[in-house]
PDB file of all heavy atoms in Angstrom:
ATOM      1  N   VAL A   1      58.233 -46.523   6.338  1.00  0.00           N
ATOM      2  CA  VAL A   1      57.543 -47.617   7.026  1.00  0.00           C
ATOM      3  C   VAL A   1      56.870 -47.077   8.279  1.00  0.00           C
ATOM      4  O   VAL A   1      57.484 -46.363   9.064  1.00  0.00           O
ATOM      5  CB  VAL A   1      58.512 -48.749   7.405  1.00  0.00           C
ATOM      6  CG1 VAL A   1      57.778 -49.855   8.160  1.00  0.00           C
ATOM      7  CG2 VAL A   1      59.186 -49.311   6.165  1.00  0.00           C
ATOM      8  N   ASP A   2      55.621 -47.415   8.461  1.00  0.00           N
ATOM      9  CA  ASP A   2      54.892 -47.024   9.668  1.00  0.00           C
ATOM     10  C   ASP A   2      55.152 -48.092  10.730  1.00  0.00           C
ATOM     11  O   ASP A   2      54.348 -48.987  10.958  1.00  0.00           O
ATOM     12  CB  ASP A   2      53.395 -46.911   9.354  1.00  0.00           C
ATOM     13  CG  ASP A   2      52.611 -46.279  10.495  1.00  0.00           C
ATOM     14  OD1 ASP A   2      53.129 -46.253  11.625  1.00  0.00           O
ATOM     15  OD2 ASP A   2      51.476 -45.832  10.250  1.00  0.00           O
ATOM     16  N   TYR A   3      56.328 -47.990  11.368  1.00  0.00           N
ATOM     17  CA  TYR A   3      56.718 -49.011  12.336  1.00  0.00           C
ATOM     18  C   TYR A   3      55.777 -49.050  13.532  1.00  0.00           C
ATOM     19  O   TYR A   3      55.565 -50.115  14.128  1.00  0.00           O
ATOM     20  CB  TYR A   3      58.154 -48.774  12.794  1.00  0.00           C
ATOM     21  CG  TYR A   3      59.194 -49.179  11.787  1.00  0.00           C
ATOM     22  CD1 TYR A   3      59.943 -48.231  11.104  1.00  0.00           C
ATOM     23  CD2 TYR A   3      59.434 -50.520  11.515  1.00  0.00           C
ATOM     24  CE1 TYR A   3      60.903 -48.598  10.173  1.00  0.00           C
ATOM     25  CE2 TYR A   3      60.385 -50.902  10.595  1.00  0.00           C
ATOM     26  CZ  TYR A   3      61.119 -49.937   9.925  1.00  0.00           C
ATOM     27  OH  TYR A   3      62.065 -50.314   8.993  1.00  0.00           O
ATOM     28  N   ASP A   4      55.210 -47.913  13.904  1.00  0.00           N
ATOM     29  CA  ASP A   4      54.245 -47.910  14.998  1.00  0.00           C
ATOM     30  C   ASP A   4      53.036 -48.776  14.647  1.00  0.00           C
ATOM     31  O   ASP A   4      52.541 -49.543  15.491  1.00  0.00           O
ATOM     32  CB  ASP A   4      53.796 -46.481  15.300  1.00  0.00           C
ATOM     33  CG  ASP A   4      54.885 -45.655  15.958  1.00  0.00           C
ATOM     34  OD1 ASP A   4      55.847 -45.285  15.254  1.00  0.00           O
ATOM     35  OD2 ASP A   4      54.787 -45.374  17.165  1.00  0.00           O
ATOM     36  N   GLU A   5      52.574 -48.667  13.413  1.00  0.00           N
ATOM     37  CA  GLU A   5      51.423 -49.462  12.992  1.00  0.00           C
ATOM     38  C   GLU A   5      51.786 -50.938  12.865  1.00  0.00           C
ATOM     39  O   GLU A   5      50.990 -51.820  13.216  1.00  0.00           O
ATOM     40  CB  GLU A   5      50.879 -48.931  11.665  1.00  0.00           C
ATOM     41  CG  GLU A   5      49.658 -49.671  11.136  1.00  0.00           C
ATOM     42  CD  GLU A   5      48.419 -49.542  12.013  1.00  0.00           C
ATOM     43  OE1 GLU A   5      48.412 -48.689  12.928  1.00  0.00           O
ATOM     44  OE2 GLU A   5      47.454 -50.297  11.785  1.00  0.00           O
ATOM     45  N   VAL A   6      52.987 -51.224  12.369  1.00  0.00           N
ATOM     46  CA  VAL A   6      53.446 -52.612  12.286  1.00  0.00           C
ATOM     47  C   VAL A   6      53.463 -53.233  13.686  1.00  0.00           C
ATOM     48  O   VAL A   6      52.977 -54.349  13.898  1.00  0.00           O
ATOM     49  CB  VAL A   6      54.843 -52.695  11.651  1.00  0.00           C
ATOM     50  CG1 VAL A   6      55.382 -54.133  11.712  1.00  0.00           C
ATOM     51  CG2 VAL A   6      54.814 -52.225  10.201  1.00  0.00           C
ATOM     52  N   ALA A   7      54.004 -52.499  14.648  1.00  0.00           N
ATOM     53  CA  ALA A   7      54.064 -53.009  16.022  1.00  0.00           C
ATOM     54  C   ALA A   7      52.670 -53.156  16.610  1.00  0.00           C
ATOM     55  O   ALA A   7      52.365 -54.148  17.281  1.00  0.00           O
ATOM     56  CB  ALA A   7      54.917 -52.079  16.880  1.00  0.00           C
ATOM     57  N   ARG A   8      51.810 -52.161  16.386  1.00  0.00           N
ATOM     58  CA  ARG A   8      50.444 -52.214  16.930  1.00  0.00           C
ATOM     59  C   ARG A   8      49.704 -53.435  16.408  1.00  0.00           C
ATOM     60  O   ARG A   8      49.051 -54.159  17.172  1.00  0.00           O
ATOM     61  CB  ARG A   8      49.677 -50.947  16.575  1.00  0.00           C
ATOM     62  CG  ARG A   8      48.298 -50.860  17.233  1.00  0.00           C
ATOM     63  CD  ARG A   8      47.474 -49.741  16.644  1.00  0.00           C
ATOM     64  NE  ARG A   8      47.063 -50.033  15.281  1.00  0.00           N
ATOM     65  CZ  ARG A   8      46.037 -50.835  14.958  1.00  0.00           C
ATOM     66  NH1 ARG A   8      45.343 -51.443  15.917  1.00  0.00           N
ATOM     67  NH2 ARG A   8      45.726 -51.048  13.702  1.00  0.00           N
ATOM     68  N   ARG A   9      49.799 -53.672  15.112  1.00  0.00           N
ATOM     69  CA  ARG A   9      49.117 -54.825  14.527  1.00  0.00           C
ATOM     70  C   ARG A   9      49.713 -56.134  15.031  1.00  0.00           C
ATOM     71  O   ARG A   9      48.994 -57.128  15.205  1.00  0.00           O
ATOM     72  CB  ARG A   9      49.213 -54.764  12.999  1.00  0.00           C
ATOM     73  CG  ARG A   9      48.442 -53.620  12.377  1.00  0.00           C
ATOM     74  CD  ARG A   9      48.464 -53.724  10.862  1.00  0.00           C
ATOM     75  NE  ARG A   9      47.736 -52.633  10.231  1.00  0.00           N
ATOM     76  CZ  ARG A   9      47.391 -52.606   8.948  1.00  0.00           C
ATOM     77  NH1 ARG A   9      47.720 -53.619   8.157  1.00  0.00           N
ATOM     78  NH2 ARG A   9      46.721 -51.582   8.455  1.00  0.00           N
ATOM     79  N   SER A  10      51.017 -56.165  15.250  1.00  0.00           N
ATOM     80  CA  SER A  10      51.679 -57.391  15.689  1.00  0.00           C
ATOM     81  C   SER A  10      51.343 -57.732  17.137  1.00  0.00           C
ATOM     82  O   SER A  10      51.157 -58.900  17.487  1.00  0.00           O
ATOM     83  CB  SER A  10      53.199 -57.250  15.533  1.00  0.00           C
ATOM     84  OG  SER A  10      53.562 -57.041  14.184  1.00  0.00           O
ATOM     85  N   VAL A  11      51.263 -56.710  17.982  1.00  0.00           N
ATOM     86  CA  VAL A  11      50.973 -56.945  19.402  1.00  0.00           C
ATOM     87  C   VAL A  11      49.489 -57.210  19.633  1.00  0.00           C
ATOM     88  O   VAL A  11      49.114 -57.971  20.520  1.00  0.00           O
ATOM     89  CB  VAL A  11      51.446 -55.742  20.243  1.00  0.00           C
ATOM     90  CG1 VAL A  11      50.957 -55.845  21.679  1.00  0.00           C
ATOM     91  CG2 VAL A  11      52.974 -55.649  20.201  1.00  0.00           C
ATOM     92  N   GLY A  12      48.624 -56.579  18.830  1.00  0.00           N
ATOM     93  CA  GLY A  12      47.192 -56.804  18.969  1.00  0.00           C
ATOM     94  C   GLY A  12      46.567 -56.012  20.105  1.00  0.00           C
ATOM     95  O   GLY A  12      46.995 -54.900  20.419  1.00  0.00           O
ATOM     96  N   LYS A  13      45.583 -56.587  20.773  1.00  0.00           N
ATOM     97  CA  LYS A  13      44.787 -55.840  21.748  1.00  0.00           C
ATOM     98  C   LYS A  13      45.591 -55.401  22.969  1.00  0.00           C
ATOM     99  O   LYS A  13      45.201 -54.455  23.661  1.00  0.00           O
ATOM    100  CB  LYS A  13      43.583 -56.668  22.197  1.00  0.00           C
ATOM    101  CG  LYS A  13      43.937 -57.973  22.893  1.00  0.00           C
ATOM    102  CD  LYS A  13      42.685 -58.774  23.216  1.00  0.00           C
ATOM    103  CE  LYS A  13      43.013 -60.084  23.921  1.00  0.00           C
ATOM    104  NZ  LYS A  13      41.791 -60.871  24.239  1.00  0.00           N
ATOM    105  N   ARG A  14      46.719 -56.064  23.232  1.00  0.00           N
ATOM    106  CA  ARG A  14      47.544 -55.670  24.378  1.00  0.00           C
ATOM    107  C   ARG A  14      48.228 -54.322  24.149  1.00  0.00           C
ATOM    108  O   ARG A  14      48.711 -53.711  25.100  1.00  0.00           O
ATOM    109  CB  ARG A  14      48.601 -56.742  24.654  1.00  0.00           C
ATOM    110  CG  ARG A  14      48.031 -58.053  25.184  1.00  0.00           C
ATOM    111  CD  ARG A  14      49.129 -59.079  25.386  1.00  0.00           C
ATOM    112  NE  ARG A  14      48.613 -60.319  25.916  1.00  0.00           N
ATOM    113  CZ  ARG A  14      48.525 -60.617  27.203  1.00  0.00           C
ATOM    114  NH1 ARG A  14      48.945 -59.722  28.095  1.00  0.00           N
ATOM    115  NH2 ARG A  14      48.043 -61.772  27.609  1.00  0.00           N
ATOM    116  N   TRP A  15      48.289 -53.864  22.898  1.00  0.00           N
ATOM    117  CA  TRP A  15      48.968 -52.608  22.578  1.00  0.00           C
ATOM    118  C   TRP A  15      48.367 -51.434  23.353  1.00  0.00           C
ATOM    119  O   TRP A  15      49.092 -50.562  23.838  1.00  0.00           O
ATOM    120  CB  TRP A  15      48.871 -52.355  21.080  1.00  0.00           C
ATOM    121  CG  TRP A  15      49.617 -51.146  20.589  1.00  0.00           C
ATOM    122  CD1 TRP A  15      49.079 -49.940  20.212  1.00  0.00           C
ATOM    123  CD2 TRP A  15      51.026 -51.011  20.412  1.00  0.00           C
ATOM    124  NE1 TRP A  15      50.064 -49.075  19.801  1.00  0.00           N
ATOM    125  CE2 TRP A  15      51.270 -49.715  19.922  1.00  0.00           C
ATOM    126  CE3 TRP A  15      52.107 -51.867  20.621  1.00  0.00           C
ATOM    127  CZ2 TRP A  15      52.547 -49.247  19.638  1.00  0.00           C
ATOM    128  CZ3 TRP A  15      53.377 -51.416  20.343  1.00  0.00           C
ATOM    129  CH2 TRP A  15      53.591 -50.113  19.857  1.00  0.00           C
ATOM    130  N   ALA A  16      47.057 -51.414  23.484  1.00  0.00           N
ATOM    131  CA  ALA A  16      46.376 -50.297  24.139  1.00  0.00           C
ATOM    132  C   ALA A  16      46.749 -50.194  25.613  1.00  0.00           C
ATOM    133  O   ALA A  16      46.619 -49.113  26.211  1.00  0.00           O
ATOM    134  CB  ALA A  16      44.858 -50.444  23.995  1.00  0.00           C
ATOM    135  N   ARG A  17      47.230 -51.273  26.214  1.00  0.00           N
ATOM    136  CA  ARG A  17      47.551 -51.260  27.643  1.00  0.00           C
ATOM    137  C   ARG A  17      49.018 -50.931  27.913  1.00  0.00           C
ATOM    138  O   ARG A  17      49.418 -50.829  29.076  1.00  0.00           O
ATOM    139  CB  ARG A  17      47.199 -52.626  28.262  1.00  0.00           C
ATOM    140  CG  ARG A  17      45.712 -52.987  28.126  1.00  0.00           C
ATOM    141  CD  ARG A  17      45.318 -54.059  29.104  1.00  0.00           C
ATOM    142  NE  ARG A  17      45.891 -55.359  28.788  1.00  0.00           N
ATOM    143  CZ  ARG A  17      45.289 -56.271  28.027  1.00  0.00           C
ATOM    144  NH1 ARG A  17      44.101 -56.009  27.494  1.00  0.00           N
ATOM    145  NH2 ARG A  17      45.854 -57.431  27.792  1.00  0.00           N
ATOM    146  N   LEU A  18      49.804 -50.759  26.867  1.00  0.00           N
ATOM    147  CA  LEU A  18      51.221 -50.441  27.051  1.00  0.00           C
ATOM    148  C   LEU A  18      51.422 -48.944  27.249  1.00  0.00           C
ATOM    149  O   LEU A  18      50.712 -48.131  26.657  1.00  0.00           O
ATOM    150  CB  LEU A  18      52.035 -50.906  25.836  1.00  0.00           C
ATOM    151  CG  LEU A  18      52.035 -52.402  25.508  1.00  0.00           C
ATOM    152  CD1 LEU A  18      52.949 -52.675  24.320  1.00  0.00           C
ATOM    153  CD2 LEU A  18      52.459 -53.232  26.710  1.00  0.00           C
ATOM    154  N   SER A  19      52.392 -48.580  28.061  1.00  0.00           N
ATOM    155  CA  SER A  19      52.734 -47.169  28.239  1.00  0.00           C
ATOM    156  C   SER A  19      53.439 -46.653  26.982  1.00  0.00           C
ATOM    157  O   SER A  19      53.886 -47.427  26.135  1.00  0.00           O
ATOM    158  CB  SER A  19      53.652 -47.004  29.446  1.00  0.00           C
ATOM    159  OG  SER A  19      54.931 -47.583  29.168  1.00  0.00           O
ATOM    160  N   ALA A  20      53.553 -45.336  26.881  1.00  0.00           N
ATOM    161  CA  ALA A  20      54.228 -44.744  25.726  1.00  0.00           C
ATOM    162  C   ALA A  20      55.674 -45.214  25.640  1.00  0.00           C
ATOM    163  O   ALA A  20      56.191 -45.510  24.545  1.00  0.00           O
ATOM    164  CB  ALA A  20      54.163 -43.218  25.810  1.00  0.00           C
ATOM    165  N   GLY A  21      56.334 -45.320  26.790  1.00  0.00           N
ATOM    166  CA  GLY A  21      57.718 -45.784  26.797  1.00  0.00           C
ATOM    167  C   GLY A  21      57.851 -47.226  26.367  1.00  0.00           C
ATOM    168  O   GLY A  21      58.781 -47.580  25.625  1.00  0.00           O
ATOM    169  N   ASP A  22      56.937 -48.078  26.823  1.00  0.00           N
ATOM    170  CA  ASP A  22      56.965 -49.484  26.428  1.00  0.00           C
ATOM    171  C   ASP A  22      56.676 -49.637  24.937  1.00  0.00           C
ATOM    172  O   ASP A  22      57.292 -50.461  24.253  1.00  0.00           O
ATOM    173  CB  ASP A  22      55.950 -50.284  27.241  1.00  0.00           C
ATOM    174  CG  ASP A  22      56.432 -50.561  28.663  1.00  0.00           C
ATOM    175  OD1 ASP A  22      57.643 -50.403  28.913  1.00  0.00           O
ATOM    176  OD2 ASP A  22      55.594 -50.935  29.505  1.00  0.00           O
ATOM    177  N   ARG A  23      55.744 -48.849  24.429  1.00  0.00           N
ATOM    178  CA  ARG A  23      55.451 -48.902  23.000  1.00  0.00           C
ATOM    179  C   ARG A  23      56.684 -48.546  22.185  1.00  0.00           C
ATOM    180  O   ARG A  23      57.007 -49.201  21.190  1.00  0.00           O
ATOM    181  CB  ARG A  23      54.304 -47.954  22.656  1.00  0.00           C
ATOM    182  CG  ARG A  23      52.947 -48.392  23.157  1.00  0.00           C
ATOM    183  CD  ARG A  23      51.866 -47.406  22.729  1.00  0.00           C
ATOM    184  NE  ARG A  23      50.564 -47.785  23.246  1.00  0.00           N
ATOM    185  CZ  ARG A  23      49.441 -47.126  22.988  1.00  0.00           C
ATOM    186  NH1 ARG A  23      49.481 -46.039  22.231  1.00  0.00           N
ATOM    187  NH2 ARG A  23      48.294 -47.542  23.496  1.00  0.00           N
ATOM    188  N   ARG A  24      57.386 -47.486  22.606  1.00  0.00           N
ATOM    189  CA  ARG A  24      58.571 -47.063  21.878  1.00  0.00           C
ATOM    190  C   ARG A  24      59.647 -48.138  21.903  1.00  0.00           C
ATOM    191  O   ARG A  24      60.323 -48.385  20.890  1.00  0.00           O
ATOM    192  CB  ARG A  24      59.106 -45.753  22.481  1.00  0.00           C
ATOM    193  CG  ARG A  24      60.326 -45.165  21.793  1.00  0.00           C
ATOM    194  CD  ARG A  24      60.189 -45.069  20.298  1.00  0.00           C
ATOM    195  NE  ARG A  24      58.902 -44.522  19.893  1.00  0.00           N
ATOM    196  CZ  ARG A  24      58.416 -44.611  18.674  1.00  0.00           C
ATOM    197  NH1 ARG A  24      59.095 -45.259  17.732  1.00  0.00           N
ATOM    198  NH2 ARG A  24      57.247 -44.090  18.367  1.00  0.00           N
ATOM    199  N   ALA A  25      59.811 -48.818  23.048  1.00  0.00           N
ATOM    200  CA  ALA A  25      60.810 -49.880  23.147  1.00  0.00           C
ATOM    201  C   ALA A  25      60.484 -51.030  22.200  1.00  0.00           C
ATOM    202  O   ALA A  25      61.378 -51.583  21.548  1.00  0.00           O
ATOM    203  CB  ALA A  25      60.885 -50.389  24.594  1.00  0.00           C
ATOM    204  N   VAL A  26      59.203 -51.391  22.111  1.00  0.00           N
ATOM    205  CA  VAL A  26      58.795 -52.470  21.214  1.00  0.00           C
ATOM    206  C   VAL A  26      59.000 -52.058  19.758  1.00  0.00           C
ATOM    207  O   VAL A  26      59.506 -52.838  18.937  1.00  0.00           O
ATOM    208  CB  VAL A  26      57.318 -52.854  21.463  1.00  0.00           C
ATOM    209  CG1 VAL A  26      56.833 -53.848  20.409  1.00  0.00           C
ATOM    210  CG2 VAL A  26      57.158 -53.444  22.863  1.00  0.00           C
ATOM    211  N   VAL A  27      58.612 -50.837  19.424  1.00  0.00           N
ATOM    212  CA  VAL A  27      58.755 -50.348  18.049  1.00  0.00           C
ATOM    213  C   VAL A  27      60.215 -50.377  17.624  1.00  0.00           C
ATOM    214  O   VAL A  27      60.556 -50.862  16.534  1.00  0.00           O
ATOM    215  CB  VAL A  27      58.179 -48.927  17.907  1.00  0.00           C
ATOM    216  CG1 VAL A  27      58.577 -48.316  16.557  1.00  0.00           C
ATOM    217  CG2 VAL A  27      56.660 -48.948  18.038  1.00  0.00           C
ATOM    218  N   GLU A  28      61.103 -49.876  18.456  1.00  0.00           N
ATOM    219  CA  GLU A  28      62.522 -49.808  18.094  1.00  0.00           C
ATOM    220  C   GLU A  28      63.127 -51.199  17.962  1.00  0.00           C
ATOM    221  O   GLU A  28      63.932 -51.454  17.059  1.00  0.00           O
ATOM    222  CB  GLU A  28      63.290 -48.982  19.122  1.00  0.00           C
ATOM    223  CG  GLU A  28      62.948 -47.501  19.088  1.00  0.00           C
ATOM    224  CD  GLU A  28      63.202 -46.878  17.726  1.00  0.00           C
ATOM    225  OE1 GLU A  28      64.195 -47.249  17.064  1.00  0.00           O
ATOM    226  OE2 GLU A  28      62.398 -46.022  17.302  1.00  0.00           O
ATOM    227  N   ALA A  29      62.763 -52.117  18.856  1.00  0.00           N
ATOM    228  CA  ALA A  29      63.305 -53.479  18.782  1.00  0.00           C
ATOM    229  C   ALA A  29      62.795 -54.204  17.540  1.00  0.00           C
ATOM    230  O   ALA A  29      63.554 -54.922  16.862  1.00  0.00           O
ATOM    231  CB  ALA A  29      62.937 -54.254  20.046  1.00  0.00           C
ATOM    232  N   LEU A  30      61.516 -54.017  17.225  1.00  0.00           N
ATOM    233  CA  LEU A  30      60.956 -54.667  16.047  1.00  0.00           C
ATOM    234  C   LEU A  30      61.544 -54.072  14.773  1.00  0.00           C
ATOM    235  O   LEU A  30      61.857 -54.793  13.815  1.00  0.00           O
ATOM    236  CB  LEU A  30      59.441 -54.532  16.049  1.00  0.00           C
ATOM    237  CG  LEU A  30      58.684 -55.260  14.930  1.00  0.00           C
ATOM    238  CD1 LEU A  30      58.993 -56.748  14.944  1.00  0.00           C
ATOM    239  CD2 LEU A  30      57.176 -55.022  15.054  1.00  0.00           C
ATOM    240  N   ARG A  31      61.709 -52.766  14.755  1.00  0.00           N
ATOM    241  CA  ARG A  31      62.322 -52.110  13.598  1.00  0.00           C
ATOM    242  C   ARG A  31      63.730 -52.648  13.351  1.00  0.00           C
ATOM    243  O   ARG A  31      64.099 -52.975  12.213  1.00  0.00           O
ATOM    244  CB  ARG A  31      62.367 -50.603  13.817  1.00  0.00           C
ATOM    245  CG  ARG A  31      63.212 -49.870  12.774  1.00  0.00           C
ATOM    246  CD  ARG A  31      63.366 -48.403  13.101  1.00  0.00           C
ATOM    247  NE  ARG A  31      64.397 -47.777  12.276  1.00  0.00           N
ATOM    248  CZ  ARG A  31      64.778 -46.515  12.357  1.00  0.00           C
ATOM    249  NH1 ARG A  31      64.197 -45.729  13.249  1.00  0.00           N
ATOM    250  NH2 ARG A  31      65.723 -46.046  11.576  1.00  0.00           N
ATOM    251  N   ALA A  32      64.531 -52.753  14.420  1.00  0.00           N
ATOM    252  CA  ALA A  32      65.904 -53.245  14.266  1.00  0.00           C
ATOM    253  C   ALA A  32      65.920 -54.667  13.712  1.00  0.00           C
ATOM    254  O   ALA A  32      66.751 -55.005  12.856  1.00  0.00           O
ATOM    255  CB  ALA A  32      66.629 -53.193  15.615  1.00  0.00           C
ATOM    256  N   LEU A  33      64.996 -55.505  14.164  1.00  0.00           N
ATOM    257  CA  LEU A  33      64.932 -56.881  13.673  1.00  0.00           C
ATOM    258  C   LEU A  33      64.546 -56.924  12.204  1.00  0.00           C
ATOM    259  O   LEU A  33      65.170 -57.631  11.398  1.00  0.00           O
ATOM    260  CB  LEU A  33      63.938 -57.685  14.513  1.00  0.00           C
ATOM    261  CG  LEU A  33      63.622 -59.100  14.006  1.00  0.00           C
ATOM    262  CD1 LEU A  33      64.879 -59.946  13.913  1.00  0.00           C
ATOM    263  CD2 LEU A  33      62.576 -59.767  14.894  1.00  0.00           C
ATOM    264  N   LEU A  34      63.513 -56.177  11.826  1.00  0.00           N
ATOM    265  CA  LEU A  34      63.063 -56.192  10.440  1.00  0.00           C
ATOM    266  C   LEU A  34      64.143 -55.661   9.500  1.00  0.00           C
ATOM    267  O   LEU A  34      64.337 -56.190   8.400  1.00  0.00           O
ATOM    268  CB  LEU A  34      61.775 -55.379  10.300  1.00  0.00           C
ATOM    269  CG  LEU A  34      60.542 -55.972  10.987  1.00  0.00           C
ATOM    270  CD1 LEU A  34      59.359 -55.018  10.864  1.00  0.00           C
ATOM    271  CD2 LEU A  34      60.190 -57.329  10.396  1.00  0.00           C
ATOM    272  N   GLU A  35      64.847 -54.630   9.915  1.00  0.00           N
ATOM    273  CA  GLU A  35      65.920 -54.107   9.081  1.00  0.00           C
ATOM    274  C   GLU A  35      67.043 -55.129   8.937  1.00  0.00           C
ATOM    275  O   GLU A  35      67.620 -55.295   7.867  1.00  0.00           O
ATOM    276  CB  GLU A  35      66.449 -52.797   9.656  1.00  0.00           C
ATOM    277  CG  GLU A  35      65.461 -51.643   9.521  1.00  0.00           C
ATOM    278  CD  GLU A  35      65.994 -50.340  10.101  1.00  0.00           C
ATOM    279  OE1 GLU A  35      67.066 -50.374  10.759  1.00  0.00           O
ATOM    280  OE2 GLU A  35      65.349 -49.301   9.895  1.00  0.00           O
TER     281      GLU A  35
END
């Protein structure tokens, strides 16, 4: 699963303004929920 892409598509245009650390936190939280 491309969780980074799932998160990017879910967050939308705000994704580009997130730091690398914030992106990782969102990806991991979303992954845990989907699993």
